[in-house]
């Protein structure tokens, strides 16, 4: 009886995530890949996904910051060209 309570909680949480559209049939496919040899497969894949996503988002943020700096310099350069400021 004690073991079925956590399972019900997990099932209810999973159903809630499906209802919210946060999980879909791909999650079910991942679950089907779990077996006795690798019972934590889904957890490992989700962890890797979020770790990689976090790293990629950080890279994108850095690229955006760099792009903003390049844009600012190009705007300044264009203004120098427009005004004939050879020194600029």
PDB file of N, CA and C in Angstrom:
ATOM      1  N   UNK A   1       0.822  -1.184   0.000  1.00  0.00           N
ATOM      2  CA  UNK A   1       0.000   0.000   0.000  1.00  0.00           C
ATOM      3  C   UNK A   1       0.872   1.256   0.000  1.00  0.00           C
ATOM      4  N   UNK A   2       1.956   1.219   0.753  1.00  0.00           N
ATOM      5  CA  UNK A   2       2.835   2.385   0.828  1.00  0.00           C
ATOM      6  C   UNK A   2       3.441   2.721  -0.528  1.00  0.00           C
ATOM      7  N   UNK A   3       3.756   1.701  -1.325  1.00  0.00           N
ATOM      8  CA  UNK A   3       4.402   1.928  -2.616  1.00  0.00           C
ATOM      9  C   UNK A   3       3.415   2.461  -3.652  1.00  0.00           C
ATOM     10  N   UNK A   4       2.138   2.165  -3.509  1.00  0.00           N
ATOM     11  CA  UNK A   4       1.173   2.600  -4.516  1.00  0.00           C
ATOM     12  C   UNK A   4       0.860   4.087  -4.394  1.00  0.00           C
ATOM     13  N   UNK A   5       0.980   4.659  -3.205  1.00  0.00           N
ATOM     14  CA  UNK A   5       0.708   6.092  -3.026  1.00  0.00           C
ATOM     15  C   UNK A   5       1.668   6.944  -3.856  1.00  0.00           C
ATOM     16  N   UNK A   6       2.993   6.746  -3.758  1.00  0.00           N
ATOM     17  CA  UNK A   6       3.899   7.539  -4.601  1.00  0.00           C
ATOM     18  C   UNK A   6       3.640   7.324  -6.093  1.00  0.00           C
ATOM     19  N   UNK A   7       3.308   6.099  -6.469  1.00  0.00           N
ATOM     20  CA  UNK A   7       3.013   5.831  -7.879  1.00  0.00           C
ATOM     21  C   UNK A   7       1.782   6.607  -8.341  1.00  0.00           C
ATOM     22  N   UNK A   8       0.769   6.674  -7.475  1.00  0.00           N
ATOM     23  CA  UNK A   8      -0.433   7.440  -7.821  1.00  0.00           C
ATOM     24  C   UNK A   8      -0.100   8.925  -7.940  1.00  0.00           C
ATOM     25  N   UNK A   9       0.755   9.409  -7.052  1.00  0.00           N
ATOM     26  CA  UNK A   9       1.146  10.815  -7.104  1.00  0.00           C
ATOM     27  C   UNK A   9       1.905  11.111  -8.396  1.00  0.00           C
ATOM     28  N   UNK A  10       2.811  10.213  -8.760  1.00  0.00           N
ATOM     29  CA  UNK A  10       3.569  10.385  -9.998  1.00  0.00           C
ATOM     30  C   UNK A  10       2.627  10.335 -11.192  1.00  0.00           C
ATOM     31  N   UNK A  11       1.701   9.389 -11.188  1.00  0.00           N
ATOM     32  CA  UNK A  11       0.742   9.270 -12.298  1.00  0.00           C
ATOM     33  C   UNK A  11      -0.123  10.523 -12.392  1.00  0.00           C
ATOM     34  N   UNK A  12      -0.557  11.049 -11.240  1.00  0.00           N
ATOM     35  CA  UNK A  12      -1.384  12.257 -11.247  1.00  0.00           C
ATOM     36  C   UNK A  12      -0.587  13.455 -11.746  1.00  0.00           C
ATOM     37  N   UNK A  13       0.681  13.551 -11.328  1.00  0.00           N
ATOM     38  CA  UNK A  13       1.526  14.656 -11.780  1.00  0.00           C
ATOM     39  C   UNK A  13       1.773  14.561 -13.278  1.00  0.00           C
ATOM     40  N   UNK A  14       2.042  13.354 -13.745  1.00  0.00           N
ATOM     41  CA  UNK A  14       2.286  13.149 -15.172  1.00  0.00           C
ATOM     42  C   UNK A  14       1.040  13.508 -15.978  1.00  0.00           C
ATOM     43  N   UNK A  15      -0.126  13.093 -15.500  1.00  0.00           N
ATOM     44  CA  UNK A  15      -1.371  13.416 -16.195  1.00  0.00           C
ATOM     45  C   UNK A  15      -1.590  14.924 -16.231  1.00  0.00           C
ATOM     46  N   UNK A  16      -1.262  15.587 -15.143  1.00  0.00           N
ATOM     47  CA  UNK A  16      -1.398  17.042 -15.086  1.00  0.00           C
ATOM     48  C   UNK A  16      -0.490  17.705 -16.132  1.00  0.00           C
ATOM     49  N   UNK A  17       0.722  17.194 -16.274  1.00  0.00           N
ATOM     50  CA  UNK A  17       1.655  17.749 -17.268  1.00  0.00           C
ATOM     51  C   UNK A  17       1.150  17.507 -18.690  1.00  0.00           C
ATOM     52  N   UNK A  18       0.521  16.345 -18.931  1.00  0.00           N
ATOM     53  CA  UNK A  18      -0.096  16.088 -20.236  1.00  0.00           C
ATOM     54  C   UNK A  18      -1.251  17.047 -20.465  1.00  0.00           C
ATOM     55  N   UNK A  19      -2.094  17.224 -19.437  1.00  0.00           N
ATOM     56  CA  UNK A  19      -3.254  18.111 -19.555  1.00  0.00           C
ATOM     57  C   UNK A  19      -2.834  19.548 -19.857  1.00  0.00           C
ATOM     58  N   UNK A  20      -1.690  19.969 -19.306  1.00  0.00           N
ATOM     59  CA  UNK A  20      -1.187  21.322 -19.532  1.00  0.00           C
ATOM     60  C   UNK A  20      -0.461  21.459 -20.871  1.00  0.00           C
ATOM     61  N   UNK A  21      -0.254  20.333 -21.539  1.00  0.00           N
ATOM     62  CA  UNK A  21       0.441  20.366 -22.820  1.00  0.00           C
ATOM     63  C   UNK A  21       1.953  20.404 -22.689  1.00  0.00           C
ATOM     64  N   UNK A  22       2.460  20.150 -21.479  1.00  0.00           N
ATOM     65  CA  UNK A  22       3.902  20.159 -21.271  1.00  0.00           C
ATOM     66  C   UNK A  22       4.550  18.838 -21.667  1.00  0.00           C
ATOM     67  N   UNK A  23       3.763  17.780 -21.693  1.00  0.00           N
ATOM     68  CA  UNK A  23       4.225  16.479 -22.168  1.00  0.00           C
ATOM     69  C   UNK A  23       3.357  16.067 -23.343  1.00  0.00           C
ATOM     70  N   UNK A  24       3.950  15.247 -24.237  1.00  0.00           N
ATOM     71  CA  UNK A  24       3.185  14.751 -25.375  1.00  0.00           C
ATOM     72  C   UNK A  24       3.587  13.312 -25.659  1.00  0.00           C
ATOM     73  N   UNK A  25       3.210  12.825 -26.834  1.00  0.00           N
ATOM     74  CA  UNK A  25       3.472  11.423 -27.164  1.00  0.00           C
ATOM     75  C   UNK A  25       4.957  11.090 -27.220  1.00  0.00           C
ATOM     76  N   UNK A  26       5.799  12.065 -27.426  1.00  0.00           N
ATOM     77  CA  UNK A  26       7.244  11.801 -27.415  1.00  0.00           C
ATOM     78  C   UNK A  26       7.711  11.362 -26.032  1.00  0.00           C
ATOM     79  N   UNK A  27       7.078  11.895 -24.996  1.00  0.00           N
ATOM     80  CA  UNK A  27       7.407  11.473 -23.640  1.00  0.00           C
ATOM     81  C   UNK A  27       7.062  10.003 -23.451  1.00  0.00           C
ATOM     82  N   UNK A  28       5.921   9.599 -23.973  1.00  0.00           N
ATOM     83  CA  UNK A  28       5.514   8.189 -23.881  1.00  0.00           C
ATOM     84  C   UNK A  28       6.528   7.318 -24.603  1.00  0.00           C
ATOM     85  N   UNK A  29       6.992   7.770 -25.759  1.00  0.00           N
ATOM     86  CA  UNK A  29       7.993   7.015 -26.502  1.00  0.00           C
ATOM     87  C   UNK A  29       9.286   6.888 -25.697  1.00  0.00           C
ATOM     88  N   UNK A  30       9.682   7.957 -25.004  1.00  0.00           N
ATOM     89  CA  UNK A  30      10.867   7.881 -24.147  1.00  0.00           C
ATOM     90  C   UNK A  30      10.657   6.873 -23.021  1.00  0.00           C
ATOM     91  N   UNK A  31       9.483   6.910 -22.414  1.00  0.00           N
ATOM     92  CA  UNK A  31       9.190   5.956 -21.337  1.00  0.00           C
ATOM     93  C   UNK A  31       9.286   4.517 -21.833  1.00  0.00           C
ATOM     94  N   UNK A  32       8.869   4.286 -23.056  1.00  0.00           N
ATOM     95  CA  UNK A  32       8.901   2.931 -23.613  1.00  0.00           C
ATOM     96  C   UNK A  32      10.330   2.444 -23.826  1.00  0.00           C
ATOM     97  N   UNK A  33      11.283   3.364 -23.896  1.00  0.00           N
ATOM     98  CA  UNK A  33      12.685   2.986 -24.070  1.00  0.00           C
ATOM     99  C   UNK A  33      13.341   2.578 -22.753  1.00  0.00           C
ATOM    100  N   UNK A  34      12.703   2.882 -21.639  1.00  0.00           N
ATOM    101  CA  UNK A  34      13.223   2.455 -20.341  1.00  0.00           C
ATOM    102  C   UNK A  34      13.042   0.959 -20.197  1.00  0.00           C
ATOM    103  N   UNK A  35      13.992   0.333 -19.539  1.00  0.00           N
ATOM    104  CA  UNK A  35      13.879  -1.085 -19.253  1.00  0.00           C
ATOM    105  C   UNK A  35      14.587  -1.383 -17.942  1.00  0.00           C
ATOM    106  N   UNK A  36      14.654  -2.650 -17.580  1.00  0.00           N
ATOM    107  CA  UNK A  36      15.278  -3.031 -16.316  1.00  0.00           C
ATOM    108  C   UNK A  36      16.757  -2.650 -16.278  1.00  0.00           C
ATOM    109  N   UNK A  37      17.408  -2.686 -17.427  1.00  0.00           N
ATOM    110  CA  UNK A  37      18.830  -2.343 -17.488  1.00  0.00           C
ATOM    111  C   UNK A  37      19.057  -0.845 -17.321  1.00  0.00           C
ATOM    112  N   UNK A  38      18.070  -0.048 -17.703  1.00  0.00           N
ATOM    113  CA  UNK A  38      18.190   1.402 -17.611  1.00  0.00           C
ATOM    114  C   UNK A  38      16.851   2.006 -17.179  1.00  0.00           C
ATOM    115  N   UNK A  39      16.496   1.796 -15.907  1.00  0.00           N
ATOM    116  CA  UNK A  39      15.181   2.251 -15.440  1.00  0.00           C
ATOM    117  C   UNK A  39      15.054   3.771 -15.338  1.00  0.00           C
ATOM    118  N   UNK A  40      16.158   4.483 -15.289  1.00  0.00           N
ATOM    119  CA  UNK A  40      16.140   5.943 -15.164  1.00  0.00           C
ATOM    120  C   UNK A  40      16.385   6.639 -16.500  1.00  0.00           C
ATOM    121  N   UNK A  41      16.098   5.950 -17.579  1.00  0.00           N
ATOM    122  CA  UNK A  41      16.385   6.489 -18.906  1.00  0.00           C
ATOM    123  C   UNK A  41      15.730   7.847 -19.134  1.00  0.00           C
ATOM    124  N   UNK A  42      14.442   7.962 -18.830  1.00  0.00           N
ATOM    125  CA  UNK A  42      13.713   9.214 -19.066  1.00  0.00           C
ATOM    126  C   UNK A  42      14.313  10.335 -18.227  1.00  0.00           C
ATOM    127  N   UNK A  43      14.583  10.050 -16.974  1.00  0.00           N
ATOM    128  CA  UNK A  43      15.181  11.056 -16.093  1.00  0.00           C
ATOM    129  C   UNK A  43      16.528  11.533 -16.647  1.00  0.00           C
ATOM    130  N   UNK A  44      17.335  10.605 -17.123  1.00  0.00           N
ATOM    131  CA  UNK A  44      18.642  10.965 -17.675  1.00  0.00           C
ATOM    132  C   UNK A  44      18.498  11.815 -18.940  1.00  0.00           C
ATOM    133  N   UNK A  45      17.577  11.446 -19.807  1.00  0.00           N
ATOM    134  CA  UNK A  45      17.371  12.196 -21.050  1.00  0.00           C
ATOM    135  C   UNK A  45      16.852  13.595 -20.758  1.00  0.00           C
ATOM    136  N   UNK A  46      15.882  13.702 -19.854  1.00  0.00           N
ATOM    137  CA  UNK A  46      15.323  15.011 -19.508  1.00  0.00           C
ATOM    138  C   UNK A  46      16.401  15.879 -18.866  1.00  0.00           C
ATOM    139  N   UNK A  47      17.208  15.291 -17.989  1.00  0.00           N
ATOM    140  CA  UNK A  47      18.301  16.036 -17.351  1.00  0.00           C
ATOM    141  C   UNK A  47      19.290  16.544 -18.390  1.00  0.00           C
ATOM    142  N   UNK A  48      19.675  15.688 -19.325  1.00  0.00           N
ATOM    143  CA  UNK A  48      20.591  16.104 -20.394  1.00  0.00           C
ATOM    144  C   UNK A  48      19.977  17.207 -21.244  1.00  0.00           C
ATOM    145  N   UNK A  49      18.692  17.073 -21.544  1.00  0.00           N
ATOM    146  CA  UNK A  49      17.996  18.075 -22.351  1.00  0.00           C
ATOM    147  C   UNK A  49      18.053  19.447 -21.678  1.00  0.00           C
ATOM    148  N   UNK A  50      17.711  19.480 -20.393  1.00  0.00           N
ATOM    149  CA  UNK A  50      17.705  20.775 -19.693  1.00  0.00           C
ATOM    150  C   UNK A  50      19.108  21.319 -19.506  1.00  0.00           C
ATOM    151  N   UNK A  51      20.071  20.451 -19.267  1.00  0.00           N
ATOM    152  CA  UNK A  51      21.454  20.907 -19.123  1.00  0.00           C
ATOM    153  C   UNK A  51      21.936  21.505 -20.451  1.00  0.00           C
ATOM    154  N   UNK A  52      21.683  20.807 -21.554  1.00  0.00           N
ATOM    155  CA  UNK A  52      22.082  21.314 -22.867  1.00  0.00           C
ATOM    156  C   UNK A  52      21.312  22.575 -23.235  1.00  0.00           C
ATOM    157  N   UNK A  53      20.012  22.598 -22.918  1.00  0.00           N
ATOM    158  CA  UNK A  53      19.198  23.778 -23.220  1.00  0.00           C
ATOM    159  C   UNK A  53      19.732  24.999 -22.487  1.00  0.00           C
ATOM    160  N   UNK A  54      20.091  24.817 -21.235  1.00  0.00           N
ATOM    161  CA  UNK A  54      20.618  25.924 -20.439  1.00  0.00           C
ATOM    162  C   UNK A  54      21.907  26.451 -21.055  1.00  0.00           C
ATOM    163  N   UNK A  55      22.775  25.531 -21.470  1.00  0.00           N
ATOM    164  CA  UNK A  55      24.047  25.924 -22.094  1.00  0.00           C
ATOM    165  C   UNK A  55      23.796  26.648 -23.412  1.00  0.00           C
ATOM    166  N   UNK A  56      22.866  26.144 -24.206  1.00  0.00           N
ATOM    167  CA  UNK A  56      22.569  26.765 -25.497  1.00  0.00           C
ATOM    168  C   UNK A  56      21.921  28.136 -25.335  1.00  0.00           C
ATOM    169  N   UNK A  57      21.031  28.260 -24.357  1.00  0.00           N
ATOM    170  CA  UNK A  57      20.409  29.562 -24.107  1.00  0.00           C
ATOM    171  C   UNK A  57      21.465  30.571 -23.696  1.00  0.00           C
ATOM    172  N   UNK A  58      22.401  30.147 -22.870  1.00  0.00           N
ATOM    173  CA  UNK A  58      23.494  31.042 -22.461  1.00  0.00           C
ATOM    174  C   UNK A  58      24.314  31.471 -23.674  1.00  0.00           C
ATOM    175  N   UNK A  59      24.592  30.543 -24.573  1.00  0.00           N
ATOM    176  CA  UNK A  59      25.340  30.871 -25.797  1.00  0.00           C
ATOM    177  C   UNK A  59      24.570  31.856 -26.663  1.00  0.00           C
ATOM    178  N   UNK A  60      23.266  31.665 -26.773  1.00  0.00           N
ATOM    179  CA  UNK A  60      22.434  32.577 -27.561  1.00  0.00           C
ATOM    180  C   UNK A  60      22.433  33.960 -26.945  1.00  0.00           C
ATOM    181  N   UNK A  61      22.319  34.011 -25.611  1.00  0.00           N
ATOM    182  CA  UNK A  61      22.342  35.309 -24.931  1.00  0.00           C
ATOM    183  C   UNK A  61      23.659  36.033 -25.187  1.00  0.00           C
ATOM    184  N   UNK A  62      24.761  35.297 -25.119  1.00  0.00           N
ATOM    185  CA  UNK A  62      26.065  35.906 -25.375  1.00  0.00           C
ATOM    186  C   UNK A  62      26.149  36.391 -26.819  1.00  0.00           C
ATOM    187  N   UNK A  63      25.625  35.614 -27.740  1.00  0.00           N
ATOM    188  CA  UNK A  63      25.636  36.016 -29.146  1.00  0.00           C
ATOM    189  C   UNK A  63      24.801  37.276 -29.360  1.00  0.00           C
ATOM    190  N   UNK A  64      23.662  37.358 -28.672  1.00  0.00           N
ATOM    191  CA  UNK A  64      22.815  38.543 -28.801  1.00  0.00           C
ATOM    192  C   UNK A  64      23.514  39.787 -28.257  1.00  0.00           C
ATOM    193  N   UNK A  65      24.208  39.615 -27.144  1.00  0.00           N
ATOM    194  CA  UNK A  65      24.958  40.740 -26.584  1.00  0.00           C
ATOM    195  C   UNK A  65      26.026  41.181 -27.568  1.00  0.00           C
ATOM    196  N   UNK A  66      26.731  40.212 -28.165  1.00  0.00           N
ATOM    197  CA  UNK A  66      27.743  40.526 -29.170  1.00  0.00           C
ATOM    198  C   UNK A  66      27.133  41.193 -30.384  1.00  0.00           C
ATOM    199  N   UNK A  67      25.973  40.708 -30.801  1.00  0.00           N
ATOM    200  CA  UNK A  67      25.296  41.294 -31.967  1.00  0.00           C
ATOM    201  C   UNK A  67      24.871  42.735 -31.688  1.00  0.00           C
ATOM    202  N   UNK A  68      24.416  43.003 -30.475  1.00  0.00           N
ATOM    203  CA  UNK A  68      24.026  44.366 -30.122  1.00  0.00           C
ATOM    204  C   UNK A  68      25.238  45.295 -30.151  1.00  0.00           C
ATOM    205  N   UNK A  69      26.381  44.802 -29.685  1.00  0.00           N
ATOM    206  CA  UNK A  69      27.603  45.611 -29.709  1.00  0.00           C
ATOM    207  C   UNK A  69      28.028  45.894 -31.151  1.00  0.00           C
ATOM    208  N   UNK A  70      27.963  44.872 -32.006  1.00  0.00           N
ATOM    209  CA  UNK A  70      28.318  45.051 -33.416  1.00  0.00           C
ATOM    210  C   UNK A  70      27.358  46.047 -34.062  1.00  0.00           C
ATOM    211  N   UNK A  71      26.078  45.921 -33.776  1.00  0.00           N
ATOM    212  CA  UNK A  71      25.088  46.848 -34.341  1.00  0.00           C
ATOM    213  C   UNK A  71      25.385  48.280 -33.906  1.00  0.00           C
ATOM    214  N   UNK A  72      25.706  48.464 -32.643  1.00  0.00           N
ATOM    215  CA  UNK A  72      26.000  49.807 -32.137  1.00  0.00           C
ATOM    216  C   UNK A  72      27.231  50.388 -32.832  1.00  0.00           C
ATOM    217  N   UNK A  73      28.258  49.567 -33.008  1.00  0.00           N
ATOM    218  CA  UNK A  73      29.473  50.034 -33.682  1.00  0.00           C
ATOM    219  C   UNK A  73      29.197  50.344 -35.150  1.00  0.00           C
ATOM    220  N   UNK A  74      28.387  49.524 -35.808  1.00  0.00           N
ATOM    221  CA  UNK A  74      28.042  49.772 -37.210  1.00  0.00           C
ATOM    222  C   UNK A  74      27.231  51.061 -37.357  1.00  0.00           C
ATOM    223  N   UNK A  75      26.313  51.273 -36.424  1.00  0.00           N
ATOM    224  CA  UNK A  75      25.519  52.502 -36.448  1.00  0.00           C
ATOM    225  C   UNK A  75      26.425  53.712 -36.274  1.00  0.00           C
ATOM    226  N   UNK A  76      27.358  53.618 -35.350  1.00  0.00           N
ATOM    227  CA  UNK A  76      28.304  54.711 -35.118  1.00  0.00           C
ATOM    228  C   UNK A  76      29.177  54.931 -36.354  1.00  0.00           C
ATOM    229  N   UNK A  77      29.659  53.850 -36.958  1.00  0.00           N
ATOM    230  CA  UNK A  77      30.486  53.937 -38.158  1.00  0.00           C
ATOM    231  C   UNK A  77      29.707  54.584 -39.306  1.00  0.00           C
ATOM    232  N   UNK A  78      28.447  54.171 -39.459  1.00  0.00           N
ATOM    233  CA  UNK A  78      27.604  54.745 -40.512  1.00  0.00           C
ATOM    234  C   UNK A  78      27.429  56.259 -40.303  1.00  0.00           C
ATOM    235  N   UNK A  79      27.253  56.651 -39.058  1.00  0.00           N
ATOM    236  CA  UNK A  79      27.092  58.070 -38.756  1.00  0.00           C
ATOM    237  C   UNK A  79      28.388  58.831 -39.066  1.00  0.00           C
ATOM    238  N   UNK A  80      29.528  58.221 -38.729  1.00  0.00           N
ATOM    239  CA  UNK A  80      30.814  58.854 -39.078  1.00  0.00           C
ATOM    240  C   UNK A  80      30.944  59.018 -40.589  1.00  0.00           C
ATOM    241  N   UNK A  81      30.557  57.996 -41.330  1.00  0.00           N
ATOM    242  CA  UNK A  81      30.632  58.064 -42.797  1.00  0.00           C
ATOM    243  C   UNK A  81      29.683  59.132 -43.326  1.00  0.00           C
ATOM    244  N   UNK A  82      28.496  59.196 -42.792  1.00  0.00           N
ATOM    245  CA  UNK A  82      27.498  60.165 -43.242  1.00  0.00           C
ATOM    246  C   UNK A  82      27.975  61.594 -43.029  1.00  0.00           C
ATOM    247  N   UNK A  83      28.648  61.822 -41.912  1.00  0.00           N
ATOM    248  CA  UNK A  83      29.102  63.180 -41.591  1.00  0.00           C
ATOM    249  C   UNK A  83      30.500  63.483 -42.140  1.00  0.00           C
ATOM    250  N   UNK A  84      31.128  62.482 -42.782  1.00  0.00           N
ATOM    251  CA  UNK A  84      32.462  62.674 -43.330  1.00  0.00           C
ATOM    252  C   UNK A  84      33.541  62.726 -42.267  1.00  0.00           C
ATOM    253  N   UNK A  85      33.324  62.138 -41.145  1.00  0.00           N
ATOM    254  CA  UNK A  85      34.276  62.115 -40.066  1.00  0.00           C
ATOM    255  C   UNK A  85      35.277  60.987 -40.297  1.00  0.00           C
ATOM    256  N   UNK A  86      36.376  61.299 -40.977  1.00  0.00           N
ATOM    257  CA  UNK A  86      37.384  60.297 -41.316  1.00  0.00           C
ATOM    258  C   UNK A  86      38.092  59.770 -40.077  1.00  0.00           C
ATOM    259  N   UNK A  87      38.215  60.602 -39.083  1.00  0.00           N
ATOM    260  CA  UNK A  87      38.876  60.178 -37.845  1.00  0.00           C
ATOM    261  C   UNK A  87      38.054  59.109 -37.141  1.00  0.00           C
ATOM    262  N   UNK A  88      36.734  59.284 -37.143  1.00  0.00           N
ATOM    263  CA  UNK A  88      35.817  58.317 -36.500  1.00  0.00           C
ATOM    264  C   UNK A  88      35.879  57.000 -37.214  1.00  0.00           C
TER     265      UNK A  88
END
